[in-house]
C-alpha cells in the first residue's frame, strides 16, 4: 500500500497521474508476486514455491531452455492472485489517504516551507491534526 501513496496523492490532489510512479508500481508488483510465488500467501495456490527464476543453470542446460516449472493454468492463477493483491492494496491505500487528506495537505505545506522535515516533525502532523478534531 505504501508504494501507491505518491500516485494516489497525485490522483486525488491533481486529478491526474504522471509516469512518476512507474518504479513504485514495479516494486508493488514484485512484492505481490513474491507473496504469491515465494511465501505461500495465496489460499488458492497454497504453500508451493513457484519462483524458479533463481535456479542455477547447470552444465549442458541452456539459458533459453529453462522452464518456469508450472503450467498455464497455474500461471493464470498467479496473475489473478497478484492482480487481486495489487487492486486491494490500491483501494485500501486510497481510502486511507482520502480519510487523512488534511494530514497530506499539512505535510505538503510544511515541506514547501522547510523542504526537508524530520521524522518527529512528520509524526507531529498526525498528533496535531488529531487534537484539533
Protein backbone atom coordinates (compact mmCIF):
# COMPACT_ATOMS: atom_id res chain seq x y z
CA UNK A 1 0.00 0.00 0.00
CA UNK A 2 2.88 2.33 0.77
CA UNK A 3 4.19 2.04 -2.79
CA UNK A 4 0.96 3.53 -4.15
CA UNK A 5 0.91 6.60 -1.86
CA UNK A 6 2.51 9.03 -4.29
CA UNK A 7 0.40 8.02 -7.25
CA UNK A 8 -2.79 8.16 -5.21
CA UNK A 9 -1.87 11.60 -3.84
CA UNK A 10 -1.33 12.81 -7.43
CA UNK A 11 -4.68 11.39 -8.43
CA UNK A 12 -6.53 12.96 -5.50
CA UNK A 13 -4.84 16.36 -5.45
CA UNK A 14 -4.19 16.99 -9.15
CA UNK A 15 -6.92 14.77 -10.64
CA UNK A 16 -4.22 13.38 -12.93
CA UNK A 17 -1.36 10.91 -12.83
CA UNK A 18 2.13 11.04 -14.29
CA UNK A 19 4.75 8.42 -15.08
CA UNK A 20 6.50 9.22 -11.81
CA UNK A 21 5.05 6.20 -10.03
CA UNK A 22 6.31 3.63 -12.53
CA UNK A 23 9.05 2.36 -10.23
CA UNK A 24 6.59 2.21 -7.32
CA UNK A 25 4.21 0.12 -9.44
CA UNK A 26 7.08 -2.18 -10.39
CA UNK A 27 8.05 -2.56 -6.73
CA UNK A 28 4.46 -3.25 -5.62
CA UNK A 29 4.05 -5.84 -8.37
CA UNK A 30 7.30 -7.51 -7.38
CA UNK A 31 6.19 -7.67 -3.73
CA UNK A 32 2.78 -9.10 -4.66
CA UNK A 33 4.41 -11.72 -6.89
CA UNK A 34 6.75 -12.72 -4.07
CA UNK A 35 3.80 -13.02 -1.69
CA UNK A 36 2.08 -15.44 -4.07
CA UNK A 37 5.03 -17.24 -5.65
CA UNK A 38 7.58 -17.45 -2.80
CA UNK A 39 5.84 -17.00 0.52
CA UNK A 40 2.70 -19.11 0.07
CA UNK A 41 0.33 -16.21 0.74
CA UNK A 42 -2.37 -17.49 -1.60
CA UNK A 43 -5.25 -19.66 -0.44
CA UNK A 44 -5.79 -20.91 -3.99
CA UNK A 45 -2.17 -21.78 -4.82
CA UNK A 46 -1.11 -22.90 -1.36
CA UNK A 47 2.33 -23.46 0.09
CA UNK A 48 4.21 -24.08 -3.13
CA UNK A 49 7.22 -22.10 -4.31
CA UNK A 50 6.51 -21.11 -7.91
CA UNK A 51 9.54 -18.83 -8.18
CA UNK A 52 12.06 -20.75 -10.27
CA UNK A 53 13.82 -17.73 -11.79
CA UNK A 54 16.75 -18.02 -9.42
CA UNK A 55 17.60 -21.64 -10.14
CA UNK A 56 21.18 -22.29 -11.15
CA UNK A 57 21.97 -23.16 -14.75
CA UNK A 58 23.85 -26.45 -14.92
CA UNK A 59 26.39 -27.61 -17.50
CA UNK A 60 24.55 -28.68 -20.62
CA UNK A 61 21.42 -26.75 -19.71
CA UNK A 62 20.78 -23.74 -21.90
CA UNK A 63 19.59 -20.41 -20.52
CA UNK A 64 16.88 -20.22 -23.17
CA UNK A 65 15.53 -23.68 -22.38
CA UNK A 66 14.78 -23.07 -18.72
CA UNK A 67 11.14 -23.68 -17.89
CA UNK A 68 9.13 -21.89 -15.30
CA UNK A 69 8.17 -25.13 -13.55
CA UNK A 70 4.38 -24.71 -13.67
CA UNK A 71 1.67 -24.79 -16.29
CA UNK A 72 -0.53 -22.22 -17.97
CA UNK A 73 -3.37 -22.82 -15.53
CA UNK A 74 -1.15 -22.02 -12.54
CA UNK A 75 0.35 -19.05 -14.40
CA UNK A 76 -3.17 -17.68 -14.84
CA UNK A 77 -3.94 -18.24 -11.16
CA UNK A 78 -0.72 -16.46 -10.17
CA UNK A 79 -1.57 -13.48 -12.37
CA UNK A 80 -5.10 -13.35 -10.92
CA UNK A 81 -3.82 -13.50 -7.32
CA UNK A 82 -1.17 -10.83 -7.95
CA UNK A 83 -3.74 -8.52 -9.53
CA UNK A 84 -6.15 -9.08 -6.63
CA UNK A 85 -3.45 -8.13 -4.11
CA UNK A 86 -2.47 -5.04 -6.10
CA UNK A 87 -6.10 -3.95 -6.55
CA UNK A 88 -6.93 -4.45 -2.87
CA UNK A 89 -3.84 -2.56 -1.72
CA UNK A 90 -4.56 0.32 -4.09
CA UNK A 91 -8.17 0.65 -2.92
CA UNK A 92 -7.21 0.43 0.77
CA UNK A 93 -4.39 2.95 0.40
CA UNK A 94 -6.70 5.36 -1.43
CA UNK A 95 -9.28 5.13 1.36
CA UNK A 96 -6.61 5.87 3.98
CA UNK A 97 -5.24 8.85 2.07
CA UNK A 98 -8.72 10.25 1.42
CA UNK A 99 -9.61 9.88 5.11
CA UNK A 100 -6.44 11.72 6.10
CA UNK A 101 -6.25 14.30 3.35
CA UNK A 102 -5.88 17.01 5.97
CA UNK A 103 -2.57 15.48 7.05
CA UNK A 104 -1.47 15.14 3.43
CA UNK A 105 -2.13 18.85 2.91
CA UNK A 106 -0.39 19.81 6.16
CA UNK A 107 2.64 17.73 5.22
CA UNK A 108 2.82 19.29 1.75
CA UNK A 109 2.59 22.77 3.28
CA UNK A 110 5.36 22.03 5.76
CA UNK A 111 7.57 20.58 3.01
CA UNK A 112 7.09 23.71 0.91
CA UNK A 113 8.20 25.81 3.88
CA UNK A 114 11.14 23.68 5.02
CA UNK A 115 11.96 21.42 2.02
CA UNK A 116 13.03 18.68 4.45
CA UNK A 117 11.36 17.53 7.67
CA UNK A 118 12.41 15.14 10.41
CA UNK A 119 10.51 12.01 11.38
CA UNK A 120 9.47 13.79 14.58
CA UNK A 121 8.02 16.70 12.60
CA UNK A 122 6.21 14.29 10.32
CA UNK A 123 4.81 12.35 13.28
CA UNK A 124 3.70 15.56 14.95
CA UNK A 125 1.42 16.28 11.99
CA UNK A 126 -0.67 13.27 12.95
CA UNK A 127 -0.96 14.29 16.59
CA UNK A 128 -1.65 17.94 15.85
CA UNK A 129 -4.39 17.09 13.36
CA UNK A 130 -5.95 14.57 15.75
CA UNK A 131 -6.06 17.02 18.65
CA UNK A 132 -7.96 19.53 16.50
CA UNK A 133 -10.68 17.00 15.58
